[in-house]
Structures are given as C-alpha cells and as structure tokens.
mmCIF file of all heavy atoms, coordinates in Angstrom:
data_MODEL
# 
_entry.id   MODEL 
# 
loop_
_atom_site.group_PDB 
_atom_site.id 
_atom_site.type_symbol 
_atom_site.label_atom_id 
_atom_site.label_alt_id 
_atom_site.label_comp_id 
_atom_site.label_asym_id 
_atom_site.label_entity_id 
_atom_site.label_seq_id 
_atom_site.pdbx_PDB_ins_code 
_atom_site.Cartn_x 
_atom_site.Cartn_y 
_atom_site.Cartn_z 
_atom_site.occupancy 
_atom_site.B_iso_or_equiv 
_atom_site.pdbx_formal_charge 
_atom_site.auth_seq_id 
_atom_site.auth_comp_id 
_atom_site.auth_asym_id 
_atom_site.auth_atom_id 
_atom_site.pdbx_PDB_model_num 
ATOM 1   N N   . TYR A 1 1  ? 0.848  -1.174  0.000   1.00 0.00 ? 1  TYR A N   1 
ATOM 2   C CA  . TYR A 1 1  ? 0.000  0.000   0.000   1.00 0.00 ? 1  TYR A CA  1 
ATOM 3   C C   . TYR A 1 1  ? 0.891  1.233   0.000   1.00 0.00 ? 1  TYR A C   1 
ATOM 4   O O   . TYR A 1 1  ? 2.104  1.144   0.175   1.00 0.00 ? 1  TYR A O   1 
ATOM 5   C CB  . TYR A 1 1  ? -0.915 -0.007  1.231   1.00 0.00 ? 1  TYR A CB  1 
ATOM 6   C CG  . TYR A 1 1  ? -0.189 -0.044  2.556   1.00 0.00 ? 1  TYR A CG  1 
ATOM 7   C CD1 . TYR A 1 1  ? 0.175  1.142   3.210   1.00 0.00 ? 1  TYR A CD1 1 
ATOM 8   C CD2 . TYR A 1 1  ? 0.164  -1.269  3.145   1.00 0.00 ? 1  TYR A CD2 1 
ATOM 9   C CE1 . TYR A 1 1  ? 0.848  1.092   4.415   1.00 0.00 ? 1  TYR A CE1 1 
ATOM 10  C CE2 . TYR A 1 1  ? 0.830  -1.322  4.347   1.00 0.00 ? 1  TYR A CE2 1 
ATOM 11  C CZ  . TYR A 1 1  ? 1.169  -0.132  4.988   1.00 0.00 ? 1  TYR A CZ  1 
ATOM 12  O OH  . TYR A 1 1  ? 1.848  -0.164  6.174   1.00 0.00 ? 1  TYR A OH  1 
ATOM 13  N N   . THR A 1 2  ? 0.194  2.413   -0.203  1.00 0.00 ? 2  THR A N   1 
ATOM 14  C CA  . THR A 1 2  ? 0.912  3.690   -0.151  1.00 0.00 ? 2  THR A CA  1 
ATOM 15  C C   . THR A 1 2  ? 0.381  4.471   1.025   1.00 0.00 ? 2  THR A C   1 
ATOM 16  O O   . THR A 1 2  ? -0.802 4.357   1.408   1.00 0.00 ? 2  THR A O   1 
ATOM 17  C CB  . THR A 1 2  ? 0.708  4.510   -1.439  1.00 0.00 ? 2  THR A CB  1 
ATOM 18  O OG1 . THR A 1 2  ? -0.683 4.763   -1.616  1.00 0.00 ? 2  THR A OG1 1 
ATOM 19  C CG2 . THR A 1 2  ? 1.287  3.756   -2.636  1.00 0.00 ? 2  THR A CG2 1 
ATOM 20  N N   . LYS A 1 3  ? 1.209  5.295   1.559   1.00 0.00 ? 3  LYS A N   1 
ATOM 21  C CA  . LYS A 1 3  ? 0.803  6.104   2.701   1.00 0.00 ? 3  LYS A CA  1 
ATOM 22  C C   . LYS A 1 3  ? 1.787  7.243   2.856   1.00 0.00 ? 3  LYS A C   1 
ATOM 23  O O   . LYS A 1 3  ? 3.006  7.019   2.841   1.00 0.00 ? 3  LYS A O   1 
ATOM 24  C CB  . LYS A 1 3  ? 0.778  5.247   3.968   1.00 0.00 ? 3  LYS A CB  1 
ATOM 25  C CG  . LYS A 1 3  ? 0.304  6.005   5.201   1.00 0.00 ? 3  LYS A CG  1 
ATOM 26  C CD  . LYS A 1 3  ? 0.292  5.073   6.415   1.00 0.00 ? 3  LYS A CD  1 
ATOM 27  C CE  . LYS A 1 3  ? -0.161 5.830   7.651   1.00 0.00 ? 3  LYS A CE  1 
ATOM 28  N NZ  . LYS A 1 3  ? -0.160 4.947   8.859   1.00 0.00 ? 3  LYS A NZ  1 
ATOM 29  N N   . ASP A 1 4  ? 1.207  8.411   2.946   1.00 0.00 ? 4  ASP A N   1 
ATOM 30  C CA  . ASP A 1 4  ? 2.016  9.616   3.161   1.00 0.00 ? 4  ASP A CA  1 
ATOM 31  C C   . ASP A 1 4  ? 3.131  9.742   2.122   1.00 0.00 ? 4  ASP A C   1 
ATOM 32  O O   . ASP A 1 4  ? 4.258  10.117  2.421   1.00 0.00 ? 4  ASP A O   1 
ATOM 33  C CB  . ASP A 1 4  ? 2.635  9.615   4.563   1.00 0.00 ? 4  ASP A CB  1 
ATOM 34  C CG  . ASP A 1 4  ? 1.583  9.611   5.657   1.00 0.00 ? 4  ASP A CG  1 
ATOM 35  O OD1 . ASP A 1 4  ? 0.485  10.129  5.415   1.00 0.00 ? 4  ASP A OD1 1 
ATOM 36  O OD2 . ASP A 1 4  ? 1.873  9.054   6.747   1.00 0.00 ? 4  ASP A OD2 1 
ATOM 37  N N   . GLY A 1 5  ? 2.769  9.385   0.877   1.00 0.00 ? 5  GLY A N   1 
ATOM 38  C CA  . GLY A 1 5  ? 3.736  9.542   -0.203  1.00 0.00 ? 5  GLY A CA  1 
ATOM 39  C C   . GLY A 1 5  ? 4.816  8.471   -0.242  1.00 0.00 ? 5  GLY A C   1 
ATOM 40  O O   . GLY A 1 5  ? 5.816  8.626   -0.938  1.00 0.00 ? 5  GLY A O   1 
ATOM 41  N N   . LYS A 1 6  ? 4.572  7.405   0.466   1.00 0.00 ? 6  LYS A N   1 
ATOM 42  C CA  . LYS A 1 6  ? 5.566  6.325   0.485   1.00 0.00 ? 6  LYS A CA  1 
ATOM 43  C C   . LYS A 1 6  ? 4.902  5.004   0.130   1.00 0.00 ? 6  LYS A C   1 
ATOM 44  O O   . LYS A 1 6  ? 3.714  4.821   0.346   1.00 0.00 ? 6  LYS A O   1 
ATOM 45  C CB  . LYS A 1 6  ? 6.206  6.213   1.864   1.00 0.00 ? 6  LYS A CB  1 
ATOM 46  C CG  . LYS A 1 6  ? 6.980  7.474   2.279   1.00 0.00 ? 6  LYS A CG  1 
ATOM 47  C CD  . LYS A 1 6  ? 7.522  7.319   3.694   1.00 0.00 ? 6  LYS A CD  1 
ATOM 48  C CE  . LYS A 1 6  ? 8.258  8.584   4.126   1.00 0.00 ? 6  LYS A CE  1 
ATOM 49  N NZ  . LYS A 1 6  ? 8.756  8.472   5.511   1.00 0.00 ? 6  LYS A NZ  1 
ATOM 50  N N   . VAL A 1 7  ? 5.713  4.041   -0.393  1.00 0.00 ? 7  VAL A N   1 
ATOM 51  C CA  . VAL A 1 7  ? 5.217  2.707   -0.750  1.00 0.00 ? 7  VAL A CA  1 
ATOM 52  C C   . VAL A 1 7  ? 5.680  1.718   0.326   1.00 0.00 ? 7  VAL A C   1 
ATOM 53  O O   . VAL A 1 7  ? 6.860  1.699   0.705   1.00 0.00 ? 7  VAL A O   1 
ATOM 54  C CB  . VAL A 1 7  ? 5.734  2.265   -2.122  1.00 0.00 ? 7  VAL A CB  1 
ATOM 55  C CG1 . VAL A 1 7  ? 5.202  0.878   -2.467  1.00 0.00 ? 7  VAL A CG1 1 
ATOM 56  C CG2 . VAL A 1 7  ? 5.358  3.283   -3.195  1.00 0.00 ? 7  VAL A CG2 1 
ATOM 57  N N   . PHE A 1 8  ? 4.696  0.926   0.805   1.00 0.00 ? 8  PHE A N   1 
ATOM 58  C CA  . PHE A 1 8  ? 4.997  -0.042  1.867   1.00 0.00 ? 8  PHE A CA  1 
ATOM 59  C C   . PHE A 1 8  ? 4.681  -1.465  1.401   1.00 0.00 ? 8  PHE A C   1 
ATOM 60  O O   . PHE A 1 8  ? 3.707  -1.700  0.694   1.00 0.00 ? 8  PHE A O   1 
ATOM 61  C CB  . PHE A 1 8  ? 4.183  0.266   3.132   1.00 0.00 ? 8  PHE A CB  1 
ATOM 62  C CG  . PHE A 1 8  ? 4.634  1.506   3.840   1.00 0.00 ? 8  PHE A CG  1 
ATOM 63  C CD1 . PHE A 1 8  ? 4.130  2.761   3.474   1.00 0.00 ? 8  PHE A CD1 1 
ATOM 64  C CD2 . PHE A 1 8  ? 5.559  1.433   4.877   1.00 0.00 ? 8  PHE A CD2 1 
ATOM 65  C CE1 . PHE A 1 8  ? 4.544  3.901   4.125   1.00 0.00 ? 8  PHE A CE1 1 
ATOM 66  C CE2 . PHE A 1 8  ? 5.961  2.581   5.517   1.00 0.00 ? 8  PHE A CE2 1 
ATOM 67  C CZ  . PHE A 1 8  ? 5.461  3.823   5.170   1.00 0.00 ? 8  PHE A CZ  1 
ATOM 68  N N   . LEU A 1 9  ? 5.521  -2.423  1.840   1.00 0.00 ? 9  LEU A N   1 
ATOM 69  C CA  . LEU A 1 9  ? 5.265  -3.848  1.651   1.00 0.00 ? 9  LEU A CA  1 
ATOM 70  C C   . LEU A 1 9  ? 4.581  -4.350  2.909   1.00 0.00 ? 9  LEU A C   1 
ATOM 71  O O   . LEU A 1 9  ? 5.051  -4.111  4.029   1.00 0.00 ? 9  LEU A O   1 
ATOM 72  C CB  . LEU A 1 9  ? 6.582  -4.617  1.442   1.00 0.00 ? 9  LEU A CB  1 
ATOM 73  C CG  . LEU A 1 9  ? 6.501  -6.143  1.418   1.00 0.00 ? 9  LEU A CG  1 
ATOM 74  C CD1 . LEU A 1 9  ? 5.696  -6.632  0.211   1.00 0.00 ? 9  LEU A CD1 1 
ATOM 75  C CD2 . LEU A 1 9  ? 7.904  -6.766  1.427   1.00 0.00 ? 9  LEU A CD2 1 
ATOM 76  N N   . LYS A 1 10 ? 3.428  -5.047  2.728   1.00 0.00 ? 10 LYS A N   1 
ATOM 77  C CA  . LYS A 1 10 ? 2.732  -5.574  3.891   1.00 0.00 ? 10 LYS A CA  1 
ATOM 78  C C   . LYS A 1 10 ? 3.577  -6.656  4.572   1.00 0.00 ? 10 LYS A C   1 
ATOM 79  O O   . LYS A 1 10 ? 4.261  -7.436  3.928   1.00 0.00 ? 10 LYS A O   1 
ATOM 80  C CB  . LYS A 1 10 ? 1.397  -6.185  3.468   1.00 0.00 ? 10 LYS A CB  1 
ATOM 81  C CG  . LYS A 1 10 ? 0.326  -5.162  3.121   1.00 0.00 ? 10 LYS A CG  1 
ATOM 82  C CD  . LYS A 1 10 ? -0.985 -5.873  2.817   1.00 0.00 ? 10 LYS A CD  1 
ATOM 83  C CE  . LYS A 1 10 ? -2.082 -4.848  2.504   1.00 0.00 ? 10 LYS A CE  1 
ATOM 84  N NZ  . LYS A 1 10 ? -3.376 -5.529  2.220   1.00 0.00 ? 10 LYS A NZ  1 
ATOM 85  N N   . GLY A 1 11 ? 3.505  -6.698  5.872   1.00 0.00 ? 11 GLY A N   1 
ATOM 86  C CA  . GLY A 1 11 ? 4.249  -7.684  6.636   1.00 0.00 ? 11 GLY A CA  1 
ATOM 87  C C   . GLY A 1 11 ? 3.769  -9.111  6.370   1.00 0.00 ? 11 GLY A C   1 
ATOM 88  O O   . GLY A 1 11 ? 2.600  -9.330  6.060   1.00 0.00 ? 11 GLY A O   1 
ATOM 89  N N   . TYR A 1 12 ? 4.670  -10.060 6.511   1.00 0.00 ? 12 TYR A N   1 
ATOM 90  C CA  . TYR A 1 12 ? 4.327  -11.470 6.360   1.00 0.00 ? 12 TYR A CA  1 
ATOM 91  C C   . TYR A 1 12 ? 5.271  -12.261 7.278   1.00 0.00 ? 12 TYR A C   1 
ATOM 92  O O   . TYR A 1 12 ? 6.368  -11.809 7.624   1.00 0.00 ? 12 TYR A O   1 
ATOM 93  C CB  . TYR A 1 12 ? 4.454  -11.931 4.907   1.00 0.00 ? 12 TYR A CB  1 
ATOM 94  C CG  . TYR A 1 12 ? 5.833  -11.707 4.310   1.00 0.00 ? 12 TYR A CG  1 
ATOM 95  C CD1 . TYR A 1 12 ? 6.789  -12.729 4.334   1.00 0.00 ? 12 TYR A CD1 1 
ATOM 96  C CD2 . TYR A 1 12 ? 6.181  -10.471 3.744   1.00 0.00 ? 12 TYR A CD2 1 
ATOM 97  C CE1 . TYR A 1 12 ? 8.031  -12.530 3.803   1.00 0.00 ? 12 TYR A CE1 1 
ATOM 98  C CE2 . TYR A 1 12 ? 7.430  -10.272 3.216   1.00 0.00 ? 12 TYR A CE2 1 
ATOM 99  C CZ  . TYR A 1 12 ? 8.361  -11.310 3.245   1.00 0.00 ? 12 TYR A CZ  1 
ATOM 100 O OH  . TYR A 1 12 ? 9.614  -11.100 2.730   1.00 0.00 ? 12 TYR A OH  1 
ATOM 101 N N   . PHE A 1 13 ? 4.818  -13.463 7.622   1.00 0.00 ? 13 PHE A N   1 
ATOM 102 C CA  . PHE A 1 13 ? 5.580  -14.255 8.600   1.00 0.00 ? 13 PHE A CA  1 
ATOM 103 C C   . PHE A 1 13 ? 5.890  -13.379 9.811   1.00 0.00 ? 13 PHE A C   1 
ATOM 104 O O   . PHE A 1 13 ? 4.984  -12.768 10.373  1.00 0.00 ? 13 PHE A O   1 
ATOM 105 C CB  . PHE A 1 13 ? 6.866  -14.839 7.993   1.00 0.00 ? 13 PHE A CB  1 
ATOM 106 C CG  . PHE A 1 13 ? 6.626  -15.770 6.832   1.00 0.00 ? 13 PHE A CG  1 
ATOM 107 C CD1 . PHE A 1 13 ? 7.571  -15.927 5.828   1.00 0.00 ? 13 PHE A CD1 1 
ATOM 108 C CD2 . PHE A 1 13 ? 5.431  -16.495 6.735   1.00 0.00 ? 13 PHE A CD2 1 
ATOM 109 C CE1 . PHE A 1 13 ? 7.351  -16.781 4.769   1.00 0.00 ? 13 PHE A CE1 1 
ATOM 110 C CE2 . PHE A 1 13 ? 5.224  -17.363 5.665   1.00 0.00 ? 13 PHE A CE2 1 
ATOM 111 C CZ  . PHE A 1 13 ? 6.186  -17.507 4.673   1.00 0.00 ? 13 PHE A CZ  1 
ATOM 112 N N   . ASP A 1 14 ? 7.140  -13.287 10.173  1.00 0.00 ? 14 ASP A N   1 
ATOM 113 C CA  . ASP A 1 14 ? 7.519  -12.450 11.327  1.00 0.00 ? 14 ASP A CA  1 
ATOM 114 C C   . ASP A 1 14 ? 8.015  -11.077 10.900  1.00 0.00 ? 14 ASP A C   1 
ATOM 115 O O   . ASP A 1 14 ? 8.477  -10.283 11.731  1.00 0.00 ? 14 ASP A O   1 
ATOM 116 C CB  . ASP A 1 14 ? 8.620  -13.145 12.139  1.00 0.00 ? 14 ASP A CB  1 
ATOM 117 C CG  . ASP A 1 14 ? 8.118  -14.403 12.822  1.00 0.00 ? 14 ASP A CG  1 
ATOM 118 O OD1 . ASP A 1 14 ? 6.909  -14.470 13.123  1.00 0.00 ? 14 ASP A OD1 1 
ATOM 119 O OD2 . ASP A 1 14 ? 8.931  -15.331 13.057  1.00 0.00 ? 14 ASP A OD2 1 
ATOM 120 N N   . PHE A 1 15 ? 7.920  -10.810 9.576   1.00 0.00 ? 15 PHE A N   1 
ATOM 121 C CA  . PHE A 1 15 ? 8.395  -9.516  9.087   1.00 0.00 ? 15 PHE A CA  1 
ATOM 122 C C   . PHE A 1 15 ? 7.278  -8.478  9.246   1.00 0.00 ? 15 PHE A C   1 
ATOM 123 O O   . PHE A 1 15 ? 6.140  -8.702  8.808   1.00 0.00 ? 15 PHE A O   1 
ATOM 124 C CB  . PHE A 1 15 ? 8.796  -9.594  7.611   1.00 0.00 ? 15 PHE A CB  1 
ATOM 125 C CG  . PHE A 1 15 ? 9.968  -10.507 7.351   1.00 0.00 ? 15 PHE A CG  1 
ATOM 126 C CD1 . PHE A 1 15 ? 9.785  -11.684 6.657   1.00 0.00 ? 15 PHE A CD1 1 
ATOM 127 C CD2 . PHE A 1 15 ? 11.235 -10.170 7.803   1.00 0.00 ? 15 PHE A CD2 1 
ATOM 128 C CE1 . PHE A 1 15 ? 10.853 -12.528 6.403   1.00 0.00 ? 15 PHE A CE1 1 
ATOM 129 C CE2 . PHE A 1 15 ? 12.305 -11.014 7.543   1.00 0.00 ? 15 PHE A CE2 1 
ATOM 130 C CZ  . PHE A 1 15 ? 12.122 -12.200 6.855   1.00 0.00 ? 15 PHE A CZ  1 
ATOM 131 N N   . PRO A 1 16 ? 7.567  -7.297  9.784   1.00 0.00 ? 16 PRO A N   1 
ATOM 132 C CA  . PRO A 1 16 ? 6.552  -6.217  9.881   1.00 0.00 ? 16 PRO A CA  1 
ATOM 133 C C   . PRO A 1 16 ? 6.431  -5.491  8.541   1.00 0.00 ? 16 PRO A C   1 
ATOM 134 O O   . PRO A 1 16 ? 7.195  -5.751  7.602   1.00 0.00 ? 16 PRO A O   1 
ATOM 135 C CB  . PRO A 1 16 ? 7.150  -5.308  10.953  1.00 0.00 ? 16 PRO A CB  1 
ATOM 136 C CG  . PRO A 1 16 ? 8.635  -5.472  10.817  1.00 0.00 ? 16 PRO A CG  1 
ATOM 137 C CD  . PRO A 1 16 ? 8.833  -6.910  10.413  1.00 0.00 ? 16 PRO A CD  1 
ATOM 138 N N   . ASP A 1 17 ? 5.446  -4.599  8.460   1.00 0.00 ? 17 ASP A N   1 
ATOM 139 C CA  . ASP A 1 17 ? 5.331  -3.742  7.261   1.00 0.00 ? 17 ASP A CA  1 
ATOM 140 C C   . ASP A 1 17 ? 6.643  -2.996  7.078   1.00 0.00 ? 17 ASP A C   1 
ATOM 141 O O   . ASP A 1 17 ? 7.262  -2.550  8.051   1.00 0.00 ? 17 ASP A O   1 
ATOM 142 C CB  . ASP A 1 17 ? 4.185  -2.743  7.420   1.00 0.00 ? 17 ASP A CB  1 
ATOM 143 C CG  . ASP A 1 17 ? 2.819  -3.444  7.400   1.00 0.00 ? 17 ASP A CG  1 
ATOM 144 O OD1 . ASP A 1 17 ? 2.821  -4.710  7.317   1.00 0.00 ? 17 ASP A OD1 1 
ATOM 145 O OD2 . ASP A 1 17 ? 1.799  -2.754  7.496   1.00 0.00 ? 17 ASP A OD2 1 
ATOM 146 N N   . ARG A 1 18 ? 7.035  -2.820  5.795   1.00 0.00 ? 18 ARG A N   1 
ATOM 147 C CA  . ARG A 1 18 ? 8.344  -2.199  5.554   1.00 0.00 ? 18 ARG A CA  1 
ATOM 148 C C   . ARG A 1 18 ? 8.272  -1.225  4.392   1.00 0.00 ? 18 ARG A C   1 
ATOM 149 O O   . ARG A 1 18 ? 7.664  -1.520  3.353   1.00 0.00 ? 18 ARG A O   1 
ATOM 150 C CB  . ARG A 1 18 ? 9.378  -3.305  5.251   1.00 0.00 ? 18 ARG A CB  1 
ATOM 151 C CG  . ARG A 1 18 ? 10.775 -2.784  4.904   1.00 0.00 ? 18 ARG A CG  1 
ATOM 152 C CD  . ARG A 1 18 ? 11.773 -3.928  4.910   1.00 0.00 ? 18 ARG A CD  1 
ATOM 153 N NE  . ARG A 1 18 ? 11.473 -4.940  3.889   1.00 0.00 ? 18 ARG A NE  1 
ATOM 154 C CZ  . ARG A 1 18 ? 11.873 -4.876  2.635   1.00 0.00 ? 18 ARG A CZ  1 
ATOM 155 N NH1 . ARG A 1 18 ? 12.554 -3.818  2.183   1.00 0.00 ? 18 ARG A NH1 1 
ATOM 156 N NH2 . ARG A 1 18 ? 11.576 -5.864  1.794   1.00 0.00 ? 18 ARG A NH2 1 
ATOM 157 N N   . GLU A 1 19 ? 8.823  -0.065  4.573   1.00 0.00 ? 19 GLU A N   1 
ATOM 158 C CA  . GLU A 1 19 ? 8.877  0.950   3.504   1.00 0.00 ? 19 GLU A CA  1 
ATOM 159 C C   . GLU A 1 19 ? 9.861  0.480   2.452   1.00 0.00 ? 19 GLU A C   1 
ATOM 160 O O   . GLU A 1 19 ? 10.982 0.110   2.762   1.00 0.00 ? 19 GLU A O   1 
ATOM 161 C CB  . GLU A 1 19 ? 9.341  2.291   4.069   1.00 0.00 ? 19 GLU A CB  1 
ATOM 162 C CG  . GLU A 1 19 ? 9.456  3.377   2.987   1.00 0.00 ? 19 GLU A CG  1 
ATOM 163 C CD  . GLU A 1 19 ? 10.075 4.669   3.517   1.00 0.00 ? 19 GLU A CD  1 
ATOM 164 O OE1 . GLU A 1 19 ? 10.042 4.887   4.754   1.00 0.00 ? 19 GLU A OE1 1 
ATOM 165 O OE2 . GLU A 1 19 ? 10.610 5.421   2.699   1.00 0.00 ? 19 GLU A OE2 1 
ATOM 166 N N   . ILE A 1 20 ? 9.366  0.504   1.159   1.00 0.00 ? 20 ILE A N   1 
ATOM 167 C CA  . ILE A 1 20 ? 10.235 0.036   0.088   1.00 0.00 ? 20 ILE A CA  1 
ATOM 168 C C   . ILE A 1 20 ? 10.529 1.106   -0.968  1.00 0.00 ? 20 ILE A C   1 
ATOM 169 O O   . ILE A 1 20 ? 11.326 0.887   -1.876  1.00 0.00 ? 20 ILE A O   1 
ATOM 170 C CB  . ILE A 1 20 ? 9.631  -1.202  -0.593  1.00 0.00 ? 20 ILE A CB  1 
ATOM 171 C CG1 . ILE A 1 20 ? 8.272  -0.873  -1.214  1.00 0.00 ? 20 ILE A CG1 1 
ATOM 172 C CG2 . ILE A 1 20 ? 9.556  -2.381  0.364   1.00 0.00 ? 20 ILE A CG2 1 
ATOM 173 C CD1 . ILE A 1 20 ? 7.707  -2.015  -2.040  1.00 0.00 ? 20 ILE A CD1 1 
ATOM 174 N N   . GLY A 1 21 ? 9.840  2.265   -0.894  1.00 0.00 ? 21 GLY A N   1 
ATOM 175 C CA  . GLY A 1 21 ? 10.107 3.329   -1.873  1.00 0.00 ? 21 GLY A CA  1 
ATOM 176 C C   . GLY A 1 21 ? 9.195  4.533   -1.682  1.00 0.00 ? 21 GLY A C   1 
ATOM 177 O O   . GLY A 1 21 ? 8.388  4.584   -0.744  1.00 0.00 ? 21 GLY A O   1 
ATOM 178 N N   . LEU A 1 22 ? 9.274  5.494   -2.636  1.00 0.00 ? 22 LEU A N   1 
ATOM 179 C CA  . LEU A 1 22 ? 8.487  6.723   -2.599  1.00 0.00 ? 22 LEU A CA  1 
ATOM 180 C C   . LEU A 1 22 ? 7.491  6.758   -3.751  1.00 0.00 ? 22 LEU A C   1 
ATOM 181 O O   . LEU A 1 22 ? 7.739  6.170   -4.821  1.00 0.00 ? 22 LEU A O   1 
ATOM 182 C CB  . LEU A 1 22 ? 9.418  7.937   -2.695  1.00 0.00 ? 22 LEU A CB  1 
ATOM 183 C CG  . LEU A 1 22 ? 10.468 8.093   -1.567  1.00 0.00 ? 22 LEU A CG  1 
ATOM 184 C CD1 . LEU A 1 22 ? 11.408 9.237   -1.912  1.00 0.00 ? 22 LEU A CD1 1 
ATOM 185 C CD2 . LEU A 1 22 ? 9.786  8.328   -0.227  1.00 0.00 ? 22 LEU A CD2 1 
ATOM 186 N N   . VAL A 1 23 ? 6.381  7.416   -3.526  1.00 0.00 ? 23 VAL A N   1 
ATOM 187 C CA  . VAL A 1 23 ? 5.411  7.633   -4.606  1.00 0.00 ? 23 VAL A CA  1 
ATOM 188 C C   . VAL A 1 23 ? 5.957  8.750   -5.488  1.00 0.00 ? 23 VAL A C   1 
ATOM 189 O O   . VAL A 1 23 ? 6.277  9.825   -4.991  1.00 0.00 ? 23 VAL A O   1 
ATOM 190 C CB  . VAL A 1 23 ? 4.026  8.008   -4.038  1.00 0.00 ? 23 VAL A CB  1 
ATOM 191 C CG1 . VAL A 1 23 ? 3.073  8.342   -5.189  1.00 0.00 ? 23 VAL A CG1 1 
ATOM 192 C CG2 . VAL A 1 23 ? 3.468  6.891   -3.181  1.00 0.00 ? 23 VAL A CG2 1 
ATOM 193 N N   . LYS A 1 24 ? 6.040  8.490   -6.765  1.00 0.00 ? 24 LYS A N   1 
ATOM 194 C CA  . LYS A 1 24 ? 6.601  9.497   -7.667  1.00 0.00 ? 24 LYS A CA  1 
ATOM 195 C C   . LYS A 1 24 ? 5.512  10.044  -8.603  1.00 0.00 ? 24 LYS A C   1 
ATOM 196 O O   . LYS A 1 24 ? 4.847  11.034  -8.283  1.00 0.00 ? 24 LYS A O   1 
ATOM 197 C CB  . LYS A 1 24 ? 7.767  8.915   -8.437  1.00 0.00 ? 24 LYS A CB  1 
ATOM 198 C CG  . LYS A 1 24 ? 8.949  8.583   -7.518  1.00 0.00 ? 24 LYS A CG  1 
ATOM 199 C CD  . LYS A 1 24 ? 10.169 8.148   -8.287  1.00 0.00 ? 24 LYS A CD  1 
ATOM 200 C CE  . LYS A 1 24 ? 11.324 7.896   -7.346  1.00 0.00 ? 24 LYS A CE  1 
ATOM 201 N NZ  . LYS A 1 24 ? 12.525 7.443   -8.042  1.00 0.00 ? 24 LYS A NZ  1 
ATOM 202 N N   . GLU A 1 25 ? 5.250  9.453   -9.767  1.00 0.00 ? 25 GLU A N   1 
ATOM 203 C CA  . GLU A 1 25 ? 4.253  9.973   -10.708 1.00 0.00 ? 25 GLU A CA  1 
ATOM 204 C C   . GLU A 1 25 ? 2.853  9.895   -10.112 1.00 0.00 ? 25 GLU A C   1 
ATOM 205 O O   . GLU A 1 25 ? 2.105  10.866  -10.116 1.00 0.00 ? 25 GLU A O   1 
ATOM 206 C CB  . GLU A 1 25 ? 4.318  9.186   -12.021 1.00 0.00 ? 25 GLU A CB  1 
ATOM 207 C CG  . GLU A 1 25 ? 5.638  9.331   -12.747 1.00 0.00 ? 25 GLU A CG  1 
ATOM 208 C CD  . GLU A 1 25 ? 5.654  8.518   -14.029 1.00 0.00 ? 25 GLU A CD  1 
ATOM 209 O OE1 . GLU A 1 25 ? 4.636  7.901   -14.375 1.00 0.00 ? 25 GLU A OE1 1 
ATOM 210 O OE2 . GLU A 1 25 ? 6.722  8.481   -14.680 1.00 0.00 ? 25 GLU A OE2 1 
ATOM 211 N N   . SER A 1 26 ? 2.542  8.671   -9.625  1.00 0.00 ? 26 SER A N   1 
ATOM 212 C CA  . SER A 1 26 ? 1.226  8.486   -8.998  1.00 0.00 ? 26 SER A CA  1 
ATOM 213 C C   . SER A 1 26 ? 1.315  7.264   -8.103  1.00 0.00 ? 26 SER A C   1 
ATOM 214 O O   . SER A 1 26 ? 2.253  6.457   -8.209  1.00 0.00 ? 26 SER A O   1 
ATOM 215 C CB  . SER A 1 26 ? 0.130  8.268   -10.052 1.00 0.00 ? 26 SER A CB  1 
ATOM 216 O OG  . SER A 1 26 ? 0.341  7.035   -10.737 1.00 0.00 ? 26 SER A OG  1 
ATOM 217 N N   . GLU A 1 27 ? 0.312  7.119   -7.234  1.00 0.00 ? 27 GLU A N   1 
ATOM 218 C CA  . GLU A 1 27 ? 0.310  5.962   -6.344  1.00 0.00 ? 27 GLU A CA  1 
ATOM 219 C C   . GLU A 1 27 ? 0.189  4.668   -7.149  1.00 0.00 ? 27 GLU A C   1 
ATOM 220 O O   . GLU A 1 27 ? 0.862  3.695   -6.883  1.00 0.00 ? 27 GLU A O   1 
ATOM 221 C CB  . GLU A 1 27 ? -0.848 6.078   -5.345  1.00 0.00 ? 27 GLU A CB  1 
ATOM 222 C CG  . GLU A 1 27 ? -0.651 7.206   -4.340  1.00 0.00 ? 27 GLU A CG  1 
ATOM 223 C CD  . GLU A 1 27 ? -1.823 7.324   -3.379  1.00 0.00 ? 27 GLU A CD  1 
ATOM 224 O OE1 . GLU A 1 27 ? -2.893 6.710   -3.678  1.00 0.00 ? 27 GLU A OE1 1 
ATOM 225 O OE2 . GLU A 1 27 ? -1.658 7.954   -2.329  1.00 0.00 ? 27 GLU A OE2 1 
# 
C-alpha cells in the first residue's frame, strides 16, 4: 500500500510492514 507519499510492503511471517520506496508519478 501507499501512505504519506511512500510505498509499503505488507508484513508477512515475522516480518513487519516495511517501507520500500516513494510515490513518484502516482500511487
């Protein structure tokens, strides 16, 4: 998902949600 201009990977297994990049042209 995107939030506050950033792209996040949803958590899985024991990994929490993690920021993976920035929103540039569009979400």
